[in-house]
Each structure stands twice: as structure tokens, then as C-alpha cells.
Protein backbone atom coordinates (compact mmCIF):
# COMPACT_ATOMS: atom_id res chain seq x y z
CA UNK A 1 -21.19 -12.93 -28.71
CA UNK A 2 -24.11 -10.59 -29.46
CA UNK A 3 -26.45 -9.99 -26.56
CA UNK A 4 -30.14 -9.85 -27.28
CA UNK A 5 -33.27 -9.19 -25.26
CA UNK A 6 -33.51 -12.93 -24.80
CA UNK A 7 -30.21 -12.96 -22.91
CA UNK A 8 -31.06 -13.49 -19.21
CA UNK A 9 -28.59 -10.81 -18.09
CA UNK A 10 -30.12 -8.21 -20.43
CA UNK A 11 -33.63 -9.22 -19.39
CA UNK A 12 -32.71 -8.98 -15.71
CA UNK A 13 -31.17 -5.52 -16.19
CA UNK A 14 -34.35 -4.39 -17.95
CA UNK A 15 -36.45 -5.62 -15.07
CA UNK A 16 -34.22 -3.82 -12.56
CA UNK A 17 -34.46 -0.60 -14.57
CA UNK A 18 -38.24 -0.91 -14.66
CA UNK A 19 -38.34 -1.37 -10.90
CA UNK A 20 -36.11 1.70 -10.36
CA UNK A 21 -38.35 3.82 -12.58
CA UNK A 22 -41.46 2.56 -10.79
CA UNK A 23 -40.02 3.37 -7.38
CA UNK A 24 -39.02 6.86 -8.53
CA UNK A 25 -42.47 7.52 -9.98
CA UNK A 26 -44.08 6.27 -6.76
CA UNK A 27 -41.96 8.62 -4.67
CA UNK A 28 -42.86 11.59 -6.86
CA UNK A 29 -46.57 10.78 -6.67
CA UNK A 30 -46.32 10.20 -2.92
CA UNK A 31 -44.70 13.58 -2.38
CA UNK A 32 -47.38 15.29 -4.45
CA UNK A 33 -50.12 13.53 -2.51
CA UNK A 34 -48.44 14.59 0.74
CA UNK A 35 -48.33 18.23 -0.37
CA UNK A 36 -52.02 18.11 -1.29
CA UNK A 37 -52.97 16.58 2.07
CA UNK A 38 -50.95 19.24 3.89
CA UNK A 39 -52.59 22.03 1.87
CA UNK A 40 -56.02 20.58 2.72
CA UNK A 41 -55.08 20.50 6.41
CA UNK A 42 -53.91 24.10 6.25
CA UNK A 43 -57.21 25.27 4.78
CA UNK A 44 -59.20 23.30 7.35
CA UNK A 45 -57.08 24.60 10.23
CA UNK A 46 -57.50 28.22 9.14
CA UNK A 47 -61.27 27.81 8.84
CA UNK A 48 -61.45 26.26 12.29
CA UNK A 49 -59.21 28.90 13.85
CA UNK A 50 -60.96 31.83 12.17
CA UNK A 51 -64.58 30.78 12.62
CA UNK A 52 -64.35 28.40 15.61
CA UNK A 53 -66.22 25.85 13.54
CA UNK A 54 -65.61 23.29 10.86
CA UNK A 55 -68.83 21.82 9.50
CA UNK A 56 -68.49 18.27 8.22
CA UNK A 57 -69.87 19.10 4.78
CA UNK A 58 -67.31 21.88 4.33
CA UNK A 59 -64.55 19.55 5.50
CA UNK A 60 -65.70 16.98 2.93
CA UNK A 61 -65.73 19.55 0.12
CA UNK A 62 -62.21 20.70 0.89
CA UNK A 63 -60.98 17.12 1.24
CA UNK A 64 -62.13 16.48 -2.34
CA UNK A 65 -59.99 19.29 -3.78
CA UNK A 66 -56.86 17.62 -5.14
CA UNK A 67 -55.24 20.56 -6.91
CA UNK A 68 -52.46 22.36 -5.03
CA UNK A 69 -53.03 25.66 -6.82
CA UNK A 70 -56.76 25.58 -6.08
CA UNK A 71 -56.06 24.83 -2.42
CA UNK A 72 -53.67 27.80 -2.27
CA UNK A 73 -56.39 30.02 -3.73
CA UNK A 74 -58.94 28.68 -1.25
CA UNK A 75 -56.59 29.33 1.66
CA UNK A 76 -56.11 32.95 0.61
CA UNK A 77 -59.85 33.43 0.18
CA UNK A 78 -60.57 31.89 3.58
CA UNK A 79 -58.17 34.35 5.18
CA UNK A 80 -59.88 37.25 3.37
CA UNK A 81 -63.44 36.07 4.07
CA UNK A 82 -65.50 37.58 6.84
CA UNK A 83 -67.94 34.71 7.33
CA UNK A 84 -68.14 30.98 6.90
CA UNK A 85 -70.95 31.58 4.41
CA UNK A 86 -68.44 33.35 2.15
CA UNK A 87 -66.23 30.28 2.33
CA UNK A 88 -69.14 28.09 1.24
CA UNK A 89 -69.86 30.38 -1.73
CA UNK A 90 -66.27 30.25 -2.87
CA UNK A 91 -65.99 26.47 -2.78
């Protein structure tokens, strides 16, 4: 007997495969989001430790950066900066 897409077993296997792919994609996206959140926290922690301050508007600006590479650049620049004003100019 030839199995077709209308065969319930084939259809069920397709659904299961779709679910597996969706779960995998969700995990990948979740990990990426977690790395971004951690990078944001790192930048904020360094600012707070270095300047003993973390203005809300600066916190908001950094929280809106969702690019890991950009956050890495910002972290390096924060470490190299000599004032919080320099941090503002860079962001």
C-alpha cells in the first residue's frame, strides 16, 4: 500500500517533526535572548561599579540594545571611559 500525506500515520509524523523543529528553534532563540540579557547586565554592572551611579535613562538605553556584538563594544568602551558623560556620547 502506498502511503500518502493523507495517511494518518504520515500526517501525525509530520506534526511531530514540526513540533520538534519548533522546540529546537525556541531553545536557540531563548539562549540568544539569555546571552543578550546577560550582556546588558554586564554593561550596567560595570557602569554602576565604575561611576557609582546608574541613571534610569542610561539603563533604558542599554536595555534597548539587542545586539550581542554592540553590547560587547559598549562594555569595552565603558571600561575605557573616564566619565559617565563619555558613556552617554557613545550610546
